Structures are given as C-alpha cells and as structure tokens.
Amino acid sequence: MAQTVTECLTAGTDSVNLIDDIKTNGKKSSYVGGSAEADTTTMTQAEINEMVQRNVDHLELILEYAPVDSDDDTPDVKGAASNLKTTHVAAVATGKTYITDNS
C-alpha cells in the first residue's frame, strides 16, 4: 500500500522539531525525538549547521514528492495543500536562516 501525503509529512516531523529546537536553544539544544537527535552542547557550530542542513535536505526531499504519471502511486506532497506541509516549509526556511545567521 502506498503512503499518503500525511504519512510522508509525518515522517518529516522530527526534522521540523529538531530545526525549531536548535533555532530556539542553539548550543543548548538536546532535542531527542524519533529518529532525530541533537545534543549540540558538545558540537561545534559547523557540526550544528551540518546537522541542520541534513534535516533541511530531508524536508526538501519530502516536499518534492509527486507522481510522475497516472500509474505512479507516489503521494503528491508537492501539490498538496496541508497545514502540516506549511510547518515543513516554514522549518526549511528557519533552517536556512539559522545556517546563514550562524556561519
């Protein structure tokens, strides 16, 4: 059975939460949730930025999911309108701004 748009977006929620926690707590972040973990207390800023970038990349990949033709059962995340999607788009922007501000 193919995944739904909601299932795909839910898979990225840990990345959203990690990015938001690092933005809020910076070097004091110790976010642990699902598959996303951050203990930035012992990390350099470059390492933190790399971790944020990996999570931004993950979200951007999810947000681009779309079927290639009518036989493709890939969920159309790219074309979907969803409040959950809005949080993912915002987290991408937040992550990119964080990296720029801390480079």
PDB file of N, CA and C in Angstrom:
ATOM      1  N   MET A   1       0.829  -1.174   0.000  1.00  0.00           N
ATOM      2  CA  MET A   1       0.000   0.000   0.000  1.00  0.00           C
ATOM      3  C   MET A   1       0.880   1.246   0.000  1.00  0.00           C
ATOM      4  N   ALA A   2       0.552   2.186  -0.842  1.00  0.00           N
ATOM      5  CA  ALA A   2       1.320   3.418  -0.970  1.00  0.00           C
ATOM      6  C   ALA A   2       1.101   4.322   0.233  1.00  0.00           C
ATOM      7  N   GLN A   3       2.098   5.113   0.529  1.00  0.00           N
ATOM      8  CA  GLN A   3       1.977   6.088   1.610  1.00  0.00           C
ATOM      9  C   GLN A   3       1.038   7.212   1.192  1.00  0.00           C
ATOM     10  N   THR A   4       0.448   7.848   2.174  1.00  0.00           N
ATOM     11  CA  THR A   4      -0.379   9.024   1.926  1.00  0.00           C
ATOM     12  C   THR A   4       0.479  10.272   2.096  1.00  0.00           C
ATOM     13  N   VAL A   5      -0.046  11.400   1.663  1.00  0.00           N
ATOM     14  CA  VAL A   5       0.637  12.675   1.860  1.00  0.00           C
ATOM     15  C   VAL A   5       0.895  12.891   3.349  1.00  0.00           C
ATOM     16  N   THR A   6      -0.105  12.631   4.170  1.00  0.00           N
ATOM     17  CA  THR A   6       0.042  12.828   5.616  1.00  0.00           C
ATOM     18  C   THR A   6       1.136  11.941   6.189  1.00  0.00           C
ATOM     19  N   GLU A   7       1.207  10.700   5.758  1.00  0.00           N
ATOM     20  CA  GLU A   7       2.254   9.797   6.247  1.00  0.00           C
ATOM     21  C   GLU A   7       3.639  10.303   5.855  1.00  0.00           C
ATOM     22  N   CYS A   8       3.768  10.797   4.644  1.00  0.00           N
ATOM     23  CA  CYS A   8       5.056  11.340   4.199  1.00  0.00           C
ATOM     24  C   CYS A   8       5.456  12.551   5.029  1.00  0.00           C
ATOM     25  N   LEU A   9       4.512  13.445   5.243  1.00  0.00           N
ATOM     26  CA  LEU A   9       4.807  14.641   6.028  1.00  0.00           C
ATOM     27  C   LEU A   9       5.093  14.295   7.489  1.00  0.00           C
ATOM     28  N   THR A  10       4.375  13.336   8.020  1.00  0.00           N
ATOM     29  CA  THR A  10       4.609  12.909   9.398  1.00  0.00           C
ATOM     30  C   THR A  10       6.037  12.382   9.554  1.00  0.00           C
ATOM     31  N   ALA A  11       6.543  11.731   8.520  1.00  0.00           N
ATOM     32  CA  ALA A  11       7.916  11.216   8.563  1.00  0.00           C
ATOM     33  C   ALA A  11       8.943  12.336   8.707  1.00  0.00           C
ATOM     34  N   GLY A  12       8.577  13.544   8.341  1.00  0.00           N
ATOM     35  CA  GLY A  12       9.489  14.675   8.453  1.00  0.00           C
ATOM     36  C   GLY A  12       9.315  15.515   9.701  1.00  0.00           C
ATOM     37  N   THR A  13       8.350  15.155  10.538  1.00  0.00           N
ATOM     38  CA  THR A  13       8.052  15.966  11.716  1.00  0.00           C
ATOM     39  C   THR A  13       9.228  16.047  12.686  1.00  0.00           C
ATOM     40  N   ASP A  14       9.983  14.971  12.832  1.00  0.00           N
ATOM     41  CA  ASP A  14      11.159  15.010  13.714  1.00  0.00           C
ATOM     42  C   ASP A  14      12.157  16.058  13.231  1.00  0.00           C
ATOM     43  N   SER A  15      12.323  16.165  11.910  1.00  0.00           N
ATOM     44  CA  SER A  15      13.234  17.174  11.367  1.00  0.00           C
ATOM     45  C   SER A  15      12.725  18.577  11.657  1.00  0.00           C
ATOM     46  N   VAL A  16      11.428  18.788  11.523  1.00  0.00           N
ATOM     47  CA  VAL A  16      10.827  20.090  11.839  1.00  0.00           C
ATOM     48  C   VAL A  16      11.119  20.438  13.295  1.00  0.00           C
ATOM     49  N   ASN A  17      10.852  19.503  14.192  1.00  0.00           N
ATOM     50  CA  ASN A  17      11.041  19.747  15.624  1.00  0.00           C
ATOM     51  C   ASN A  17      12.507  19.982  15.969  1.00  0.00           C
ATOM     52  N   LEU A  18      13.403  19.232  15.346  1.00  0.00           N
ATOM     53  CA  LEU A  18      14.831  19.410  15.602  1.00  0.00           C
ATOM     54  C   LEU A  18      15.279  20.800  15.162  1.00  0.00           C
ATOM     55  N   ILE A  19      14.900  21.209  13.961  1.00  0.00           N
ATOM     56  CA  ILE A  19      15.278  22.536  13.463  1.00  0.00           C
ATOM     57  C   ILE A  19      14.740  23.625  14.388  1.00  0.00           C
ATOM     58  N   ASP A  20      13.478  23.506  14.771  1.00  0.00           N
ATOM     59  CA  ASP A  20      12.884  24.509  15.651  1.00  0.00           C
ATOM     60  C   ASP A  20      13.576  24.556  17.010  1.00  0.00           C
ATOM     61  N   ASP A  21      13.946  23.399  17.546  1.00  0.00           N
ATOM     62  CA  ASP A  21      14.610  23.368  18.848  1.00  0.00           C
ATOM     63  C   ASP A  21      16.003  23.984  18.765  1.00  0.00           C
ATOM     64  N   ILE A  22      16.725  23.684  17.702  1.00  0.00           N
ATOM     65  CA  ILE A  22      18.061  24.270  17.556  1.00  0.00           C
ATOM     66  C   ILE A  22      17.962  25.780  17.362  1.00  0.00           C
ATOM     67  N   LYS A  23      16.974  26.230  16.608  1.00  0.00           N
ATOM     68  CA  LYS A  23      16.785  27.676  16.435  1.00  0.00           C
ATOM     69  C   LYS A  23      16.542  28.331  17.791  1.00  0.00           C
ATOM     70  N   THR A  24      15.734  27.705  18.613  1.00  0.00           N
ATOM     71  CA  THR A  24      15.379  28.262  19.918  1.00  0.00           C
ATOM     72  C   THR A  24      16.517  28.140  20.926  1.00  0.00           C
ATOM     73  N   ASN A  25      17.175  26.982  20.960  1.00  0.00           N
ATOM     74  CA  ASN A  25      18.148  26.690  22.019  1.00  0.00           C
ATOM     75  C   ASN A  25      19.602  26.711  21.584  1.00  0.00           C
ATOM     76  N   GLY A  26      19.867  26.719  20.294  1.00  0.00           N
ATOM     77  CA  GLY A  26      21.244  26.785  19.800  1.00  0.00           C
ATOM     78  C   GLY A  26      22.145  25.742  20.418  1.00  0.00           C
ATOM     79  N   LYS A  27      23.261  26.195  20.988  1.00  0.00           N
ATOM     80  CA  LYS A  27      24.253  25.298  21.590  1.00  0.00           C
ATOM     81  C   LYS A  27      23.742  24.588  22.838  1.00  0.00           C
ATOM     82  N   LYS A  28      22.552  24.933  23.290  1.00  0.00           N
ATOM     83  CA  LYS A  28      21.977  24.282  24.467  1.00  0.00           C
ATOM     84  C   LYS A  28      20.908  23.267  24.082  1.00  0.00           C
ATOM     85  N   SER A  29      20.765  22.995  22.789  1.00  0.00           N
ATOM     86  CA  SER A  29      19.738  22.063  22.330  1.00  0.00           C
ATOM     87  C   SER A  29      20.112  20.634  22.706  1.00  0.00           C
ATOM     88  N   SER A  30      19.126  19.910  23.169  1.00  0.00           N
ATOM     89  CA  SER A  30      19.323  18.481  23.435  1.00  0.00           C
ATOM     90  C   SER A  30      18.082  17.740  22.951  1.00  0.00           C
ATOM     91  N   TYR A  31      17.555  18.157  21.800  1.00  0.00           N
ATOM     92  CA  TYR A  31      16.341  17.570  21.250  1.00  0.00           C
ATOM     93  C   TYR A  31      16.540  16.094  20.948  1.00  0.00           C
ATOM     94  N   VAL A  32      15.618  15.283  21.406  1.00  0.00           N
ATOM     95  CA  VAL A  32      15.590  13.859  21.077  1.00  0.00           C
ATOM     96  C   VAL A  32      14.143  13.518  20.741  1.00  0.00           C
ATOM     97  N   GLY A  33      13.922  13.077  19.521  1.00  0.00           N
ATOM     98  CA  GLY A  33      12.572  12.708  19.122  1.00  0.00           C
ATOM     99  C   GLY A  33      12.606  11.794  17.925  1.00  0.00           C
ATOM    100  N   GLY A  34      12.028  10.629  18.052  1.00  0.00           N
ATOM    101  CA  GLY A  34      12.001   9.690  16.926  1.00  0.00           C
ATOM    102  C   GLY A  34      13.391   9.413  16.413  1.00  0.00           C
ATOM    103  N   SER A  35      13.606   9.679  15.130  1.00  0.00           N
ATOM    104  CA  SER A  35      14.903   9.402  14.523  1.00  0.00           C
ATOM    105  C   SER A  35      15.819  10.625  14.537  1.00  0.00           C
ATOM    106  N   ALA A  36      15.329  11.750  15.033  1.00  0.00           N
ATOM    107  CA  ALA A  36      16.133  12.970  15.054  1.00  0.00           C
ATOM    108  C   ALA A  36      16.641  13.229  16.461  1.00  0.00           C
ATOM    109  N   GLU A  37      17.947  13.382  16.573  1.00  0.00           N
ATOM    110  CA  GLU A  37      18.546  13.662  17.870  1.00  0.00           C
ATOM    111  C   GLU A  37      19.579  14.761  17.723  1.00  0.00           C
ATOM    112  N   ALA A  38      19.642  15.612  18.718  1.00  0.00           N
ATOM    113  CA  ALA A  38      20.630  16.679  18.724  1.00  0.00           C
ATOM    114  C   ALA A  38      21.099  16.931  20.138  1.00  0.00           C
ATOM    115  N   ASP A  39      22.361  16.702  20.386  1.00  0.00           N
ATOM    116  CA  ASP A  39      22.966  17.142  21.634  1.00  0.00           C
ATOM    117  C   ASP A  39      24.066  18.104  21.215  1.00  0.00           C
ATOM    118  N   THR A  40      23.664  19.336  21.029  1.00  0.00           N
ATOM    119  CA  THR A  40      24.588  20.324  20.483  1.00  0.00           C
ATOM    120  C   THR A  40      25.572  20.866  21.515  1.00  0.00           C
ATOM    121  N   THR A  41      25.414  20.457  22.757  1.00  0.00           N
ATOM    122  CA  THR A  41      26.266  21.007  23.812  1.00  0.00           C
ATOM    123  C   THR A  41      27.739  20.695  23.598  1.00  0.00           C
ATOM    124  N   THR A  42      28.067  19.655  22.870  1.00  0.00           N
ATOM    125  CA  THR A  42      29.465  19.293  22.630  1.00  0.00           C
ATOM    126  C   THR A  42      29.860  19.457  21.164  1.00  0.00           C
ATOM    127  N   MET A  43      28.996  20.044  20.366  1.00  0.00           N
ATOM    128  CA  MET A  43      29.242  20.177  18.925  1.00  0.00           C
ATOM    129  C   MET A  43      29.782  21.566  18.594  1.00  0.00           C
ATOM    130  N   THR A  44      30.565  21.628  17.528  1.00  0.00           N
ATOM    131  CA  THR A  44      30.984  22.927  17.014  1.00  0.00           C
ATOM    132  C   THR A  44      29.820  23.537  16.241  1.00  0.00           C
ATOM    133  N   GLN A  45      29.901  24.827  15.968  1.00  0.00           N
ATOM    134  CA  GLN A  45      28.841  25.470  15.187  1.00  0.00           C
ATOM    135  C   GLN A  45      28.771  24.876  13.785  1.00  0.00           C
ATOM    136  N   ALA A  46      29.916  24.530  13.214  1.00  0.00           N
ATOM    137  CA  ALA A  46      29.921  23.910  11.884  1.00  0.00           C
ATOM    138  C   ALA A  46      29.181  22.574  11.900  1.00  0.00           C
ATOM    139  N   GLU A  47      29.376  21.781  12.956  1.00  0.00           N
ATOM    140  CA  GLU A  47      28.671  20.498  13.074  1.00  0.00           C
ATOM    141  C   GLU A  47      27.164  20.703  13.240  1.00  0.00           C
ATOM    142  N   ILE A  48      26.797  21.711  14.024  1.00  0.00           N
ATOM    143  CA  ILE A  48      25.375  22.012  14.195  1.00  0.00           C
ATOM    144  C   ILE A  48      24.778  22.419  12.852  1.00  0.00           C
ATOM    145  N   ASN A  49      25.473  23.291  12.138  1.00  0.00           N
ATOM    146  CA  ASN A  49      24.980  23.724  10.830  1.00  0.00           C
ATOM    147  C   ASN A  49      24.832  22.550   9.865  1.00  0.00           C
ATOM    148  N   GLU A  50      25.775  21.618   9.890  1.00  0.00           N
ATOM    149  CA  GLU A  50      25.682  20.431   9.033  1.00  0.00           C
ATOM    150  C   GLU A  50      24.465  19.592   9.390  1.00  0.00           C
ATOM    151  N   MET A  51      24.190  19.451  10.681  1.00  0.00           N
ATOM    152  CA  MET A  51      23.034  18.676  11.116  1.00  0.00           C
ATOM    153  C   MET A  51      21.735  19.367  10.682  1.00  0.00           C
ATOM    154  N   VAL A  52      21.683  20.666  10.850  1.00  0.00           N
ATOM    155  CA  VAL A  52      20.500  21.408  10.405  1.00  0.00           C
ATOM    156  C   VAL A  52      20.338  21.248   8.893  1.00  0.00           C
ATOM    157  N   GLN A  53      21.434  21.342   8.149  1.00  0.00           N
ATOM    158  CA  GLN A  53      21.361  21.200   6.693  1.00  0.00           C
ATOM    159  C   GLN A  53      20.846  19.827   6.284  1.00  0.00           C
ATOM    160  N   ARG A  54      21.286  18.777   6.966  1.00  0.00           N
ATOM    161  CA  ARG A  54      20.789  17.421   6.647  1.00  0.00           C
ATOM    162  C   ARG A  54      19.273  17.338   6.845  1.00  0.00           C
ATOM    163  N   ASN A  55      18.789  17.975   7.891  1.00  0.00           N
ATOM    164  CA  ASN A  55      17.352  17.958   8.155  1.00  0.00           C
ATOM    165  C   ASN A  55      16.585  18.833   7.171  1.00  0.00           C
ATOM    166  N   VAL A  56      17.153  19.955   6.774  1.00  0.00           N
ATOM    167  CA  VAL A  56      16.557  20.784   5.717  1.00  0.00           C
ATOM    168  C   VAL A  56      16.484  19.981   4.423  1.00  0.00           C
ATOM    169  N   ASP A  57      17.577  19.300   4.079  1.00  0.00           N
ATOM    170  CA  ASP A  57      17.605  18.480   2.857  1.00  0.00           C
ATOM    171  C   ASP A  57      16.518  17.407   2.895  1.00  0.00           C
ATOM    172  N   HIS A  58      16.358  16.776   4.041  1.00  0.00           N
ATOM    173  CA  HIS A  58      15.338  15.733   4.216  1.00  0.00           C
ATOM    174  C   HIS A  58      13.941  16.300   3.966  1.00  0.00           C
ATOM    175  N   LEU A  59      13.665  17.447   4.546  1.00  0.00           N
ATOM    176  CA  LEU A  59      12.353  18.068   4.366  1.00  0.00           C
ATOM    177  C   LEU A  59      12.130  18.500   2.918  1.00  0.00           C
ATOM    178  N   GLU A  60      13.156  19.066   2.309  1.00  0.00           N
ATOM    179  CA  GLU A  60      13.009  19.495   0.913  1.00  0.00           C
ATOM    180  C   GLU A  60      12.725  18.298   0.004  1.00  0.00           C
ATOM    181  N   LEU A  61      13.347  17.182   0.282  1.00  0.00           N
ATOM    182  CA  LEU A  61      13.102  15.967  -0.496  1.00  0.00           C
ATOM    183  C   LEU A  61      11.647  15.526  -0.349  1.00  0.00           C
ATOM    184  N   ILE A  62      11.158  15.481   0.871  1.00  0.00           N
ATOM    185  CA  ILE A  62       9.764  15.088   1.116  1.00  0.00           C
ATOM    186  C   ILE A  62       8.802  16.035   0.414  1.00  0.00           C
ATOM    187  N   LEU A  63       9.086  17.330   0.481  1.00  0.00           N
ATOM    188  CA  LEU A  63       8.194  18.328  -0.104  1.00  0.00           C
ATOM    189  C   LEU A  63       8.139  18.259  -1.629  1.00  0.00           C
ATOM    190  N   GLU A  64       9.097  17.589  -2.244  1.00  0.00           N
ATOM    191  CA  GLU A  64       9.120  17.444  -3.704  1.00  0.00           C
ATOM    192  C   GLU A  64       8.451  16.161  -4.202  1.00  0.00           C
ATOM    193  N   TYR A  65       8.020  15.287  -3.283  1.00  0.00           N
ATOM    194  CA  TYR A  65       7.361  14.047  -3.707  1.00  0.00           C
ATOM    195  C   TYR A  65       6.170  14.370  -4.604  1.00  0.00           C
ATOM    196  N   ALA A  66       6.117  13.703  -5.757  1.00  0.00           N
ATOM    197  CA  ALA A  66       4.985  13.857  -6.681  1.00  0.00           C
ATOM    198  C   ALA A  66       5.010  12.689  -7.659  1.00  0.00           C
ATOM    199  N   PRO A  67       3.850  12.220  -8.042  1.00  0.00           N
ATOM    200  CA  PRO A  67       3.816  11.139  -9.033  1.00  0.00           C
ATOM    201  C   PRO A  67       4.320  11.637 -10.387  1.00  0.00           C
ATOM    202  N   VAL A  68       4.976  10.743 -11.131  1.00  0.00           N
ATOM    203  CA  VAL A  68       5.486  11.117 -12.453  1.00  0.00           C
ATOM    204  C   VAL A  68       4.454  10.893 -13.552  1.00  0.00           C
ATOM    205  N   ASP A  69       3.477  10.030 -13.289  1.00  0.00           N
ATOM    206  CA  ASP A  69       2.400   9.790 -14.250  1.00  0.00           C
ATOM    207  C   ASP A  69       1.211   9.172 -13.518  1.00  0.00           C
ATOM    208  N   SER A  70       0.156   8.867 -14.242  1.00  0.00           N
ATOM    209  CA  SER A  70      -1.071   8.370 -13.614  1.00  0.00           C
ATOM    210  C   SER A  70      -0.922   6.977 -13.015  1.00  0.00           C
ATOM    211  N   ASP A  71       0.121   6.242 -13.395  1.00  0.00           N
ATOM    212  CA  ASP A  71       0.365   4.911 -12.846  1.00  0.00           C
ATOM    213  C   ASP A  71       1.243   4.940 -11.596  1.00  0.00           C
ATOM    214  N   ASP A  72       1.826   6.077 -11.309  1.00  0.00           N
ATOM    215  CA  ASP A  72       2.735   6.227 -10.177  1.00  0.00           C
ATOM    216  C   ASP A  72       1.920   6.459  -8.906  1.00  0.00           C
ATOM    217  N   ASP A  73       2.134   5.621  -7.883  1.00  0.00           N
ATOM    218  CA  ASP A  73       1.381   5.783  -6.635  1.00  0.00           C
ATOM    219  C   ASP A  73       2.111   6.633  -5.590  1.00  0.00           C
ATOM    220  N   THR A  74       3.152   7.362  -6.022  1.00  0.00           N
ATOM    221  CA  THR A  74       3.830   8.294  -5.120  1.00  0.00           C
ATOM    222  C   THR A  74       2.839   9.367  -4.694  1.00  0.00           C
ATOM    223  N   PRO A  75       2.738   9.639  -3.396  1.00  0.00           N
ATOM    224  CA  PRO A  75       1.806  10.677  -2.946  1.00  0.00           C
ATOM    225  C   PRO A  75       2.225  12.057  -3.471  1.00  0.00           C
ATOM    226  N   ASP A  76       1.260  12.878  -3.798  1.00  0.00           N
ATOM    227  CA  ASP A  76       1.541  14.201  -4.349  1.00  0.00           C
ATOM    228  C   ASP A  76       1.702  15.225  -3.229  1.00  0.00           C
ATOM    229  N   VAL A  77       2.814  15.115  -2.529  1.00  0.00           N
ATOM    230  CA  VAL A  77       3.097  16.064  -1.457  1.00  0.00           C
ATOM    231  C   VAL A  77       3.309  17.456  -2.056  1.00  0.00           C
ATOM    232  N   LYS A  78       4.011  17.507  -3.174  1.00  0.00           N
ATOM    233  CA  LYS A  78       4.323  18.789  -3.809  1.00  0.00           C
ATOM    234  C   LYS A  78       3.050  19.572  -4.134  1.00  0.00           C
ATOM    235  N   GLY A  79       2.016  18.899  -4.605  1.00  0.00           N
ATOM    236  CA  GLY A  79       0.793  19.572  -4.997  1.00  0.00           C
ATOM    237  C   GLY A  79      -0.259  19.670  -3.905  1.00  0.00           C
ATOM    238  N   ALA A  80       0.024  19.119  -2.751  1.00  0.00           N
ATOM    239  CA  ALA A  80      -0.971  19.076  -1.669  1.00  0.00           C
ATOM    240  C   ALA A  80      -1.027  20.393  -0.902  1.00  0.00           C
ATOM    241  N   ALA A  81      -2.199  20.683  -0.423  1.00  0.00           N
ATOM    242  CA  ALA A  81      -2.386  21.804   0.500  1.00  0.00           C
ATOM    243  C   ALA A  81      -2.660  21.203   1.866  1.00  0.00           C
ATOM    244  N   SER A  82      -1.816  21.517   2.841  1.00  0.00           N
ATOM    245  CA  SER A  82      -1.943  20.907   4.160  1.00  0.00           C
ATOM    246  C   SER A  82      -1.300  21.810   5.198  1.00  0.00           C
ATOM    247  N   ASN A  83      -1.937  21.922   6.357  1.00  0.00           N
ATOM    248  CA  ASN A  83      -1.333  22.684   7.451  1.00  0.00           C
ATOM    249  C   ASN A  83      -0.019  22.064   7.870  1.00  0.00           C
ATOM    250  N   LEU A  84       0.053  20.735   7.849  1.00  0.00           N
ATOM    251  CA  LEU A  84       1.289  20.040   8.193  1.00  0.00           C
ATOM    252  C   LEU A  84       2.398  20.398   7.202  1.00  0.00           C
ATOM    253  N   LYS A  85       2.044  20.493   5.931  1.00  0.00           N
ATOM    254  CA  LYS A  85       3.024  20.877   4.909  1.00  0.00           C
ATOM    255  C   LYS A  85       3.544  22.285   5.187  1.00  0.00           C
ATOM    256  N   THR A  86       2.665  23.176   5.613  1.00  0.00           N
ATOM    257  CA  THR A  86       3.052  24.552   5.910  1.00  0.00           C
ATOM    258  C   THR A  86       4.137  24.594   6.983  1.00  0.00           C
ATOM    259  N   THR A  87       4.035  23.745   7.993  1.00  0.00           N
ATOM    260  CA  THR A  87       5.055  23.722   9.045  1.00  0.00           C
ATOM    261  C   THR A  87       6.391  23.229   8.509  1.00  0.00           C
ATOM    262  N   HIS A  88       6.344  22.311   7.550  1.00  0.00           N
ATOM    263  CA  HIS A  88       7.571  21.792   6.956  1.00  0.00           C
ATOM    264  C   HIS A  88       8.254  22.859   6.103  1.00  0.00           C
ATOM    265  N   VAL A  89       7.471  23.581   5.324  1.00  0.00           N
ATOM    266  CA  VAL A  89       8.012  24.665   4.502  1.00  0.00           C
ATOM    267  C   VAL A  89       8.633  25.726   5.401  1.00  0.00           C
ATOM    268  N   ALA A  90       7.958  26.055   6.489  1.00  0.00           N
ATOM    269  CA  ALA A  90       8.481  27.043   7.438  1.00  0.00           C
ATOM    270  C   ALA A  90       9.779  26.558   8.075  1.00  0.00           C
ATOM    271  N   ALA A  91       9.861  25.269   8.392  1.00  0.00           N
ATOM    272  CA  ALA A  91      11.079  24.725   9.009  1.00  0.00           C
ATOM    273  C   ALA A  91      12.260  24.783   8.044  1.00  0.00           C
ATOM    274  N   VAL A  92      12.013  24.569   6.760  1.00  0.00           N
ATOM    275  CA  VAL A  92      13.080  24.693   5.760  1.00  0.00           C
ATOM    276  C   VAL A  92      13.619  26.120   5.782  1.00  0.00           C
ATOM    277  N   ALA A  93      12.728  27.095   5.759  1.00  0.00           N
ATOM    278  CA  ALA A  93      13.148  28.497   5.789  1.00  0.00           C
ATOM    279  C   ALA A  93      13.886  28.820   7.088  1.00  0.00           C
ATOM    280  N   THR A  94      13.365  28.323   8.202  1.00  0.00           N
ATOM    281  CA  THR A  94      14.000  28.541   9.505  1.00  0.00           C
ATOM    282  C   THR A  94      15.407  27.953   9.524  1.00  0.00           C
ATOM    283  N   GLY A  95      15.551  26.722   9.017  1.00  0.00           N
ATOM    284  CA  GLY A  95      16.855  26.064   8.992  1.00  0.00           C
ATOM    285  C   GLY A  95      17.857  26.807   8.139  1.00  0.00           C
ATOM    286  N   LYS A  96      17.418  27.263   6.974  1.00  0.00           N
ATOM    287  CA  LYS A  96      18.323  28.003   6.079  1.00  0.00           C
ATOM    288  C   LYS A  96      18.750  29.323   6.715  1.00  0.00           C
ATOM    289  N   THR A  97      17.807  30.001   7.352  1.00  0.00           N
ATOM    290  CA  THR A  97      18.136  31.263   8.023  1.00  0.00           C
ATOM    291  C   THR A  97      19.100  31.019   9.179  1.00  0.00           C
ATOM    292  N   TYR A  98      18.854  29.952   9.951  1.00  0.00           N
ATOM    293  CA  TYR A  98      19.732  29.620  11.066  1.00  0.00           C
ATOM    294  C   TYR A  98      21.173  29.408  10.574  1.00  0.00           C
ATOM    295  N   ILE A  99      21.308  28.636   9.507  1.00  0.00           N
ATOM    296  CA  ILE A  99      22.647  28.363   8.978  1.00  0.00           C
ATOM    297  C   ILE A  99      23.326  29.658   8.515  1.00  0.00           C
ATOM    298  N   THR A 100      22.584  30.487   7.788  1.00  0.00           N
ATOM    299  CA  THR A 100      23.133  31.760   7.321  1.00  0.00           C
ATOM    300  C   THR A 100      23.558  32.641   8.493  1.00  0.00           C
ATOM    301  N   ASP A 101      22.707  32.725   9.502  1.00  0.00           N
ATOM    302  CA  ASP A 101      22.982  33.568  10.661  1.00  0.00           C
ATOM    303  C   ASP A 101      24.119  33.045  11.538  1.00  0.00           C
ATOM    304  N   ASN A 102      24.430  31.761  11.406  1.00  0.00           N
ATOM    305  CA  ASN A 102      25.445  31.146  12.271  1.00  0.00           C
ATOM    306  C   ASN A 102      26.618  30.577  11.493  1.00  0.00           C
ATOM    307  N   SER A 103      26.899  31.172  10.353  1.00  0.00           N
ATOM    308  CA  SER A 103      28.050  30.730   9.541  1.00  0.00           C
ATOM    309  C   SER A 103      29.196  31.697   9.672  1.00  0.00           C
TER     310      SER A 103
END
